[in-house]
């Protein structure tokens, strides 16, 4: 794992060591590895991903189909099987939809302690769906494998959803939040657990969108769920600020067409009338790709994507509604406690995420009475901040499930 400036700092590698050790245990323990699946159909042609019949009168979270699958996130089959669930959920505009969750049980027995882990799969193409990459469908799950292994080694059951839905609405906040919550509902049903079983949420970067909006939407959309803690890091709190920050940067600017296209899908916006000829070319190139290994556009600027009259995109009504709808803090108030964290490598943010926006979200939640723990990692870029976050997030959730005293940092956040 490299940053732009070299290997991860020794302190970060030391903190990651337990997670990597957990992955090694999964690879080596538990008997011979499961046999690799002989046929691995991509989601676009796999019939399991398609719901039969209308969903209008089906309750959100209802399990529609179930199957047992093998796992091979690193390419090597693991001695672990998982259950995949096709379930009913809700789209960005309130429409009924269906997507898939993967539920993985730990080797240990005991009361179910469910963690909903949202991967940062940042995709416009279904080949990067977690339900596919975790089975060996590509390298997209490599970064998530040790995180999931760490939760399993600690005795947690993990559910991870294809929260972008079948239309791959990358960044669409309600799509991802609803899919996360309904994935939890479906997992609890499949596990035979009560609806009030304790649940934790965790996600970084793209996964933080699903995590944060799930926490905000839960009190109204899924009030029966007992969310004992939410951990979210690397949060694009205000999309307009995030886009301005990465605009024209050598590496992060590649995100621009993915974000515009993904959000437009969720909000039902036809981008074509707003795009320049070059913008149409770029969006076509990324239309079924994933940020992880898709086309790169170093130094890309927003004004290159849009026609001249739309380059102040924040004043365009369709885009303004998209930006407002994607602002974290706008969909509701989490029940808490909540752990928020992010890096600050250049005095503004971690190279992708604006640190001041993360601090502002923490302060806003504090004013609403949410119990908040907030950490900023000085000198950490987005990759290093993610490595630091995943270790802290697991410790936070472990303490939340155990009912340990919570270290509320609202007093410190309010003084910043």
Protein backbone atom coordinates (compact mmCIF):
# COMPACT_ATOMS: atom_id res chain seq x y z
CA UNK A 1 0.00 0.00 0.00
CA UNK A 2 1.61 3.26 -1.09
CA UNK A 3 0.84 6.90 -0.67
CA UNK A 4 2.00 9.40 -3.28
CA UNK A 5 5.09 10.06 -1.17
CA UNK A 6 6.04 6.45 -0.39
CA UNK A 7 5.16 3.67 2.01
CA UNK A 8 2.56 4.20 4.70
CA UNK A 9 4.19 5.59 7.87
CA UNK A 10 5.40 2.94 10.29
CA UNK A 11 2.88 4.01 12.93
CA UNK A 12 0.03 3.50 10.46
CA UNK A 13 1.31 0.08 9.42
CA UNK A 14 1.56 -0.86 13.09
CA UNK A 15 -2.07 0.10 13.66
CA UNK A 16 -3.13 -1.88 10.58
CA UNK A 17 -1.23 -4.99 11.66
CA UNK A 18 -4.14 -6.53 13.64
CA UNK A 19 -6.45 -6.22 10.63
CA UNK A 20 -3.91 -7.81 8.30
CA UNK A 21 -3.35 -10.57 10.85
CA UNK A 22 -7.10 -11.19 10.91
CA UNK A 23 -7.09 -11.62 7.14
CA UNK A 24 -4.21 -14.08 7.43
CA UNK A 25 -6.23 -16.10 9.95
CA UNK A 26 -9.10 -16.31 7.49
CA UNK A 27 -6.75 -17.38 4.74
CA UNK A 28 -5.00 -20.07 6.78
CA UNK A 29 -7.44 -21.30 9.40
CA UNK A 30 -10.63 -23.26 9.35
CA UNK A 31 -9.55 -26.15 7.15
CA UNK A 32 -9.09 -26.28 3.41
CA UNK A 33 -10.26 -23.32 1.35
CA UNK A 34 -13.66 -23.44 -0.23
CA UNK A 35 -13.70 -24.44 -3.88
CA UNK A 36 -13.65 -21.54 -6.30
CA UNK A 37 -16.98 -20.93 -7.96
CA UNK A 38 -16.89 -22.40 -11.43
CA UNK A 39 -19.15 -19.77 -12.97
CA UNK A 40 -19.13 -16.22 -11.69
CA UNK A 41 -21.66 -14.21 -13.64
CA UNK A 42 -21.34 -10.42 -13.48
CA UNK A 43 -24.33 -8.64 -11.93
CA UNK A 44 -25.52 -7.33 -15.29
CA UNK A 45 -26.31 -10.86 -16.48
CA UNK A 46 -26.77 -12.75 -13.20
CA UNK A 47 -30.53 -13.35 -12.76
CA UNK A 48 -30.12 -13.28 -8.97
CA UNK A 49 -29.90 -9.46 -9.15
CA UNK A 50 -33.29 -9.03 -10.79
CA UNK A 51 -36.48 -8.97 -8.76
CA UNK A 52 -39.43 -10.90 -10.15
CA UNK A 53 -42.61 -8.85 -10.25
CA UNK A 54 -43.56 -5.40 -9.04
CA UNK A 55 -42.18 -4.09 -5.75
CA UNK A 56 -44.67 -1.31 -4.99
CA UNK A 57 -46.53 -3.31 -2.35
CA UNK A 58 -43.45 -5.01 -0.90
CA UNK A 59 -42.15 -3.62 2.39
CA UNK A 60 -38.62 -2.13 2.37
CA UNK A 61 -36.10 -4.63 3.69
CA UNK A 62 -38.05 -7.67 2.51
CA UNK A 63 -35.80 -10.52 1.38
CA UNK A 64 -36.65 -11.49 -2.22
CA UNK A 65 -34.01 -14.13 -2.93
CA UNK A 66 -31.26 -15.89 -0.96
CA UNK A 67 -28.17 -17.84 -1.94
CA UNK A 68 -24.97 -19.15 -0.37
CA UNK A 69 -21.71 -18.09 -2.01
CA UNK A 70 -17.99 -18.53 -1.54
CA UNK A 71 -15.68 -15.61 -0.83
CA UNK A 72 -12.40 -14.83 -2.57
CA UNK A 73 -11.76 -11.08 -2.12
CA UNK A 74 -8.02 -11.50 -2.65
CA UNK A 75 -8.43 -14.01 -5.47
CA UNK A 76 -7.82 -16.98 -3.14
CA UNK A 77 -10.98 -18.80 -1.97
CA UNK A 78 -11.46 -18.40 1.79
CA UNK A 79 -12.68 -21.09 4.21
CA UNK A 80 -15.74 -18.91 4.72
CA UNK A 81 -19.13 -18.87 3.11
CA UNK A 82 -21.55 -15.99 2.98
CA UNK A 83 -25.24 -15.49 2.39
CA UNK A 84 -26.33 -13.09 -0.30
CA UNK A 85 -29.74 -11.48 -0.21
CA UNK A 86 -31.69 -9.71 -2.91
CA UNK A 87 -33.95 -7.30 -1.03
CA UNK A 88 -36.41 -4.51 -1.58
CA UNK A 89 -35.22 -0.98 -0.93
CA UNK A 90 -36.00 2.61 -1.98
CA UNK A 91 -34.34 4.86 -4.54
CA UNK A 92 -33.31 8.51 -4.32
CA UNK A 93 -36.72 9.77 -5.49
CA UNK A 94 -38.74 7.36 -3.36
CA UNK A 95 -39.19 4.69 -6.02
CA UNK A 96 -39.18 0.99 -5.09
CA UNK A 97 -35.94 -0.77 -5.99
CA UNK A 98 -33.96 -3.91 -5.27
CA UNK A 99 -30.30 -4.52 -4.53
CA UNK A 100 -28.02 -7.15 -2.98
CA UNK A 101 -26.37 -7.50 0.43
CA UNK A 102 -23.67 -9.96 1.48
CA UNK A 103 -23.87 -11.32 5.04
CA UNK A 104 -20.79 -12.93 6.58
CA UNK A 105 -20.86 -14.75 9.92
CA UNK A 106 -17.81 -15.04 12.22
CA UNK A 107 -16.39 -18.41 13.22
CA UNK A 108 -17.38 -17.82 16.84
CA UNK A 109 -20.90 -18.37 18.13
CA UNK A 110 -22.89 -16.17 20.45
CA UNK A 111 -25.37 -13.30 20.28
CA UNK A 112 -25.46 -11.58 16.89
CA UNK A 113 -23.57 -8.29 16.86
CA UNK A 114 -24.16 -6.90 13.39
CA UNK A 115 -21.88 -4.35 11.73
CA UNK A 116 -23.06 -2.78 8.49
CA UNK A 117 -19.83 -1.96 6.66
CA UNK A 118 -20.12 0.27 3.61
CA UNK A 119 -17.24 -0.21 1.19
CA UNK A 120 -15.91 2.71 -0.87
CA UNK A 121 -16.60 1.03 -4.18
CA UNK A 122 -17.15 4.36 -6.00
CA UNK A 123 -18.53 2.85 -9.19
CA UNK A 124 -20.63 3.49 -12.25
CA UNK A 125 -20.21 -0.14 -13.37
CA UNK A 126 -21.69 -3.23 -11.71
CA UNK A 127 -18.43 -5.18 -11.90
CA UNK A 128 -17.33 -3.25 -8.78
CA UNK A 129 -20.40 -4.18 -6.71
CA UNK A 130 -19.17 -5.58 -3.37
CA UNK A 131 -21.40 -8.62 -3.84
CA UNK A 132 -19.35 -9.44 -6.95
CA UNK A 133 -15.82 -8.43 -5.95
CA UNK A 134 -16.02 -10.23 -2.60
CA UNK A 135 -16.61 -13.46 -4.52
CA UNK A 136 -13.49 -12.91 -6.62
CA UNK A 137 -15.03 -10.89 -9.44
CA UNK A 138 -12.17 -8.39 -9.52
CA UNK A 139 -9.66 -6.56 -7.34
CA UNK A 140 -12.09 -4.01 -5.94
CA UNK A 141 -12.40 -5.75 -2.54
CA UNK A 142 -8.66 -5.89 -1.79
CA UNK A 143 -8.72 -2.88 0.53
CA UNK A 144 -11.89 -4.06 2.27
CA UNK A 145 -10.82 -7.64 2.94
CA UNK A 146 -8.69 -6.87 6.03
CA UNK A 147 -11.35 -4.51 7.41
CA UNK A 148 -14.07 -7.15 7.11
CA UNK A 149 -11.68 -9.77 8.49
CA UNK A 150 -10.98 -7.56 11.49
CA UNK A 151 -14.68 -7.31 12.31
CA UNK A 152 -15.14 -11.06 11.89
CA UNK A 153 -12.14 -11.83 14.11
CA UNK A 154 -13.69 -9.62 16.80
CA UNK A 155 -16.88 -11.71 16.67
CA UNK A 156 -19.03 -9.37 14.58
CA UNK A 157 -21.36 -10.47 11.83
CA UNK A 158 -20.84 -8.23 8.80
CA UNK A 159 -23.39 -7.10 6.24
CA UNK A 160 -22.20 -5.08 3.26
CA UNK A 161 -24.63 -3.85 0.64
CA UNK A 162 -24.49 -2.83 -2.99
CA UNK A 163 -25.84 0.47 -1.76
CA UNK A 164 -25.55 2.31 -5.09
CA UNK A 165 -28.35 0.11 -6.38
CA UNK A 166 -28.70 -1.46 -9.80
CA UNK A 167 -28.44 1.90 -11.57
CA UNK A 168 -25.06 2.53 -9.88
CA UNK A 169 -26.07 5.94 -8.52
CA UNK A 170 -22.65 6.76 -7.07
CA UNK A 171 -22.95 9.51 -4.47
CA UNK A 172 -26.76 9.63 -4.42
CA UNK A 173 -27.34 10.10 -0.67
CA UNK A 174 -30.81 8.70 -0.09
CA UNK A 175 -30.31 5.78 -2.46
CA UNK A 176 -27.25 4.70 -0.47
CA UNK A 177 -28.75 5.46 2.94
CA UNK A 178 -31.97 3.58 2.27
CA UNK A 179 -30.12 0.61 0.77
CA UNK A 180 -27.87 0.44 3.83
CA UNK A 181 -30.78 0.44 6.25
CA UNK A 182 -32.80 -2.06 4.22
CA UNK A 183 -29.72 -4.26 3.93
CA UNK A 184 -29.60 -4.34 7.73
CA UNK A 185 -33.30 -5.22 7.87
CA UNK A 186 -32.80 -8.01 5.35
CA UNK A 187 -29.73 -9.33 7.17
CA UNK A 188 -31.53 -9.45 10.51
CA UNK A 189 -34.38 -11.37 8.88
CA UNK A 190 -32.02 -13.85 7.25
CA UNK A 191 -30.14 -14.31 10.53
CA UNK A 192 -33.34 -14.90 12.47
CA UNK A 193 -32.45 -11.99 14.73
CA UNK A 194 -34.95 -9.56 16.24
CA UNK A 195 -35.39 -6.20 14.52
CA UNK A 196 -34.09 -4.54 17.69
CA UNK A 197 -30.76 -6.43 17.69
CA UNK A 198 -27.81 -4.04 18.14
CA UNK A 199 -26.26 -2.71 14.94
CA UNK A 200 -23.20 -0.62 14.15
CA UNK A 201 -22.44 1.38 10.99
CA UNK A 202 -19.03 2.04 9.46
CA UNK A 203 -17.72 3.52 6.22
CA UNK A 204 -14.94 5.72 4.88
CA UNK A 205 -14.82 8.05 1.86
CA UNK A 206 -17.46 6.85 -0.64
CA UNK A 207 -18.66 4.47 2.07
CA UNK A 208 -19.15 7.40 4.41
CA UNK A 209 -21.95 8.72 2.20
CA UNK A 210 -24.02 5.57 2.69
CA UNK A 211 -23.06 5.37 6.37
CA UNK A 212 -23.80 8.98 7.26
CA UNK A 213 -27.09 9.19 5.41
CA UNK A 214 -28.21 5.87 6.85
CA UNK A 215 -27.62 7.29 10.32
CA UNK A 216 -29.53 10.48 9.45
CA UNK A 217 -32.44 8.70 7.78
CA UNK A 218 -32.82 5.89 10.33
CA UNK A 219 -34.98 7.70 12.93
CA UNK A 220 -37.75 8.22 10.35
CA UNK A 221 -37.14 5.46 7.80
CA UNK A 222 -36.11 2.58 10.05
CA UNK A 223 -36.97 3.58 13.64
CA UNK A 224 -37.05 -0.04 14.80
CA UNK A 225 -33.30 -0.48 14.29
CA UNK A 226 -31.07 -0.18 17.36
CA UNK A 227 -28.03 1.61 15.94
CA UNK A 228 -25.58 1.61 18.85
CA UNK A 229 -22.86 3.54 17.02
CA UNK A 230 -21.95 5.11 13.68
CA UNK A 231 -18.36 5.55 12.45
CA UNK A 232 -17.82 7.65 9.32
CA UNK A 233 -14.56 9.04 7.98
CA UNK A 234 -13.32 10.98 4.96
CA UNK A 235 -16.73 12.58 4.54
CA UNK A 236 -17.68 14.72 1.50
CA UNK A 237 -19.93 16.82 3.72
CA UNK A 238 -20.64 19.60 1.23
CA UNK A 239 -20.35 18.37 -2.34
CA UNK A 240 -19.85 21.85 -3.78
CA UNK A 241 -16.84 22.38 -1.51
CA UNK A 242 -15.49 18.92 -2.31
CA UNK A 243 -15.75 19.46 -6.06
CA UNK A 244 -14.11 22.88 -5.82
CA UNK A 245 -11.26 21.39 -3.77
CA UNK A 246 -10.47 18.59 -6.24
CA UNK A 247 -11.11 20.66 -9.38
CA UNK A 248 -7.99 20.56 -11.58
CA UNK A 249 -5.91 18.51 -9.12
CA UNK A 250 -3.63 15.92 -10.76
CA UNK A 251 -5.19 12.82 -9.17
CA UNK A 252 -8.49 13.62 -7.38
CA UNK A 253 -9.98 15.46 -10.38
CA UNK A 254 -10.58 12.05 -11.97
CA UNK A 255 -13.53 11.78 -9.57
CA UNK A 256 -15.39 14.68 -11.23
CA UNK A 257 -17.18 12.86 -14.08
CA UNK A 258 -17.94 9.87 -11.86
CA UNK A 259 -19.58 12.09 -9.25
CA UNK A 260 -21.59 14.12 -11.77
CA UNK A 261 -22.84 11.04 -13.60
CA UNK A 262 -23.57 9.03 -10.44
CA UNK A 263 -25.47 11.83 -8.74
CA UNK A 264 -27.38 12.61 -11.94
CA UNK A 265 -28.55 9.00 -12.12
CA UNK A 266 -29.91 9.16 -8.59
CA UNK A 267 -31.59 12.53 -8.99
CA UNK A 268 -32.96 11.75 -12.45
CA UNK A 269 -30.98 14.48 -14.25
CA UNK A 270 -30.18 14.18 -17.95
CA UNK A 271 -26.63 15.51 -18.13
CA UNK A 272 -26.47 15.69 -21.93
CA UNK A 273 -27.91 19.22 -22.36
CA UNK A 274 -25.36 20.63 -19.90
CA UNK A 275 -22.21 18.89 -21.13
CA UNK A 276 -19.65 20.17 -23.57
CA UNK A 277 -18.61 17.91 -26.42
CA UNK A 278 -15.56 16.93 -24.38
CA UNK A 279 -17.75 16.42 -21.31
CA UNK A 280 -19.96 14.02 -23.27
CA UNK A 281 -16.89 12.11 -24.38
CA UNK A 282 -15.57 11.82 -20.81
CA UNK A 283 -18.90 10.80 -19.30
CA UNK A 284 -19.32 8.15 -21.99
CA UNK A 285 -15.87 6.79 -21.12
CA UNK A 286 -16.75 6.37 -17.43
CA UNK A 287 -20.39 5.32 -17.82
CA UNK A 288 -19.75 1.68 -16.83
CA UNK A 289 -16.42 2.07 -15.07
CA UNK A 290 -15.14 2.17 -11.48
CA UNK A 291 -12.90 4.86 -10.01
CA UNK A 292 -10.52 2.19 -8.75
CA UNK A 293 -9.33 1.07 -12.18
CA UNK A 294 -11.32 3.13 -14.68
CA UNK A 295 -10.15 5.92 -17.01
CA UNK A 296 -8.09 8.65 -15.38
CA UNK A 297 -8.28 12.36 -16.15
CA UNK A 298 -5.43 14.09 -14.27
CA UNK A 299 -5.93 17.82 -13.91
CA UNK A 300 -9.51 17.72 -15.23
CA UNK A 301 -11.54 20.87 -14.57
CA UNK A 302 -15.29 21.19 -14.16
CA UNK A 303 -15.43 23.94 -16.78
CA UNK A 304 -14.07 21.45 -19.34
CA UNK A 305 -17.06 19.19 -18.76
CA UNK A 306 -19.80 21.80 -19.06
CA UNK A 307 -21.01 24.15 -21.75
CA UNK A 308 -20.01 27.79 -21.10
CA UNK A 309 -23.46 28.89 -19.94
CA UNK A 310 -23.55 26.13 -17.30
CA UNK A 311 -20.04 26.41 -15.87
CA UNK A 312 -21.42 28.15 -12.78
CA UNK A 313 -23.17 24.86 -12.19
CA UNK A 314 -24.23 25.76 -8.66
CA UNK A 315 -26.70 28.28 -10.11
CA UNK A 316 -28.30 25.69 -12.41
CA UNK A 317 -31.55 24.64 -10.67
CA UNK A 318 -31.12 20.91 -11.32
CA UNK A 319 -27.55 20.91 -10.01
CA UNK A 320 -28.42 23.17 -7.07
CA UNK A 321 -31.08 20.69 -5.94
CA UNK A 322 -28.56 17.86 -6.31
CA UNK A 323 -25.98 19.71 -4.20
CA UNK A 324 -28.50 20.62 -1.51
CA UNK A 325 -29.80 17.06 -1.34
CA UNK A 326 -26.29 15.70 -0.98
CA UNK A 327 -25.27 17.94 1.91
CA UNK A 328 -24.64 15.90 5.04
CA UNK A 329 -26.70 17.02 7.99
CA UNK A 330 -29.68 17.80 5.74
CA UNK A 331 -31.56 14.49 5.97
CA UNK A 332 -32.04 14.12 9.73
CA UNK A 333 -30.29 13.75 13.06
CA UNK A 334 -28.51 10.52 14.03
CA UNK A 335 -29.40 9.00 17.35
CA UNK A 336 -25.72 8.61 18.13
CA UNK A 337 -23.13 8.09 19.36
CA UNK A 338 -21.20 9.06 16.23
CA UNK A 339 -17.47 8.89 15.50
CA UNK A 340 -16.30 11.25 12.73
CA UNK A 341 -12.72 11.50 11.46
CA UNK A 342 -10.65 12.79 8.58
CA UNK A 343 -7.19 13.87 7.50
CA UNK A 344 -5.61 17.25 6.89
CA UNK A 345 -2.46 17.12 4.79
CA UNK A 346 -2.36 20.62 3.30
CA UNK A 347 -4.17 22.92 5.72
CA UNK A 348 -7.42 22.52 3.78
CA UNK A 349 -8.07 18.79 3.80
CA UNK A 350 -6.70 15.38 2.92
CA UNK A 351 -6.37 16.09 -0.80
CA UNK A 352 -9.94 14.95 -1.49
CA UNK A 353 -12.06 15.97 1.51
CA UNK A 354 -12.33 19.42 3.11
CA UNK A 355 -11.45 19.16 6.81
CA UNK A 356 -13.38 22.30 7.81
CA UNK A 357 -16.58 20.75 6.47
CA UNK A 358 -16.04 17.65 8.61
CA UNK A 359 -15.46 19.81 11.69
CA UNK A 360 -18.58 21.83 10.87
CA UNK A 361 -20.69 18.68 10.61
CA UNK A 362 -19.40 17.49 13.97
CA UNK A 363 -20.22 20.88 15.52
CA UNK A 364 -23.68 20.89 13.95
CA UNK A 365 -24.46 17.46 15.37
CA UNK A 366 -23.20 18.57 18.76
CA UNK A 367 -25.61 21.50 18.69
CA UNK A 368 -28.42 19.05 18.00
CA UNK A 369 -27.48 17.00 21.05
CA UNK A 370 -25.75 14.11 19.28
CA UNK A 371 -22.91 12.51 21.23
CA UNK A 372 -19.90 13.06 18.97
CA UNK A 373 -16.31 11.94 18.96
CA UNK A 374 -14.29 13.79 16.34
CA UNK A 375 -10.69 13.20 15.27
CA UNK A 376 -8.59 15.08 12.73
CA UNK A 377 -5.38 13.43 11.56
CA UNK A 378 -2.75 16.16 10.96
CA UNK A 379 -0.51 15.49 7.98
CA UNK A 380 -2.64 12.58 6.77
CA UNK A 381 -3.75 12.44 3.15
CA UNK A 382 -6.87 10.54 2.11
CA UNK A 383 -5.20 7.12 2.01
CA UNK A 384 -3.41 7.48 5.33
CA UNK A 385 -6.52 8.93 6.98
CA UNK A 386 -8.44 5.87 5.79
CA UNK A 387 -5.89 3.52 7.31
CA UNK A 388 -6.04 5.35 10.63
CA UNK A 389 -9.82 5.51 10.55
CA UNK A 390 -10.56 1.82 10.03
CA UNK A 391 -8.60 0.84 13.14
CA UNK A 392 -10.22 3.56 15.27
CA UNK A 393 -13.67 2.74 13.89
CA UNK A 394 -13.48 -0.90 14.93
CA UNK A 395 -12.34 0.07 18.43
CA UNK A 396 -15.17 2.63 18.66
CA UNK A 397 -17.81 0.11 17.60
CA UNK A 398 -16.42 -2.56 19.91
CA UNK A 399 -16.80 -0.14 22.81
CA UNK A 400 -20.29 0.89 21.66
CA UNK A 401 -21.50 -2.73 21.59
CA UNK A 402 -19.90 -3.36 25.00
CA UNK A 403 -21.64 -0.32 26.47
CA UNK A 404 -18.33 1.29 27.47
CA UNK A 405 -18.33 4.96 28.50
CA UNK A 406 -18.30 7.25 25.47
CA UNK A 407 -15.71 9.98 25.15
CA UNK A 408 -17.76 12.92 23.93
CA UNK A 409 -15.61 15.57 22.23
CA UNK A 410 -18.35 18.15 21.68
CA UNK A 411 -16.72 20.59 24.10
CA UNK A 412 -13.50 20.53 22.09
CA UNK A 413 -15.33 20.65 18.75
CA UNK A 414 -17.29 23.70 19.86
CA UNK A 415 -14.11 25.57 20.71
CA UNK A 416 -12.56 25.06 17.23
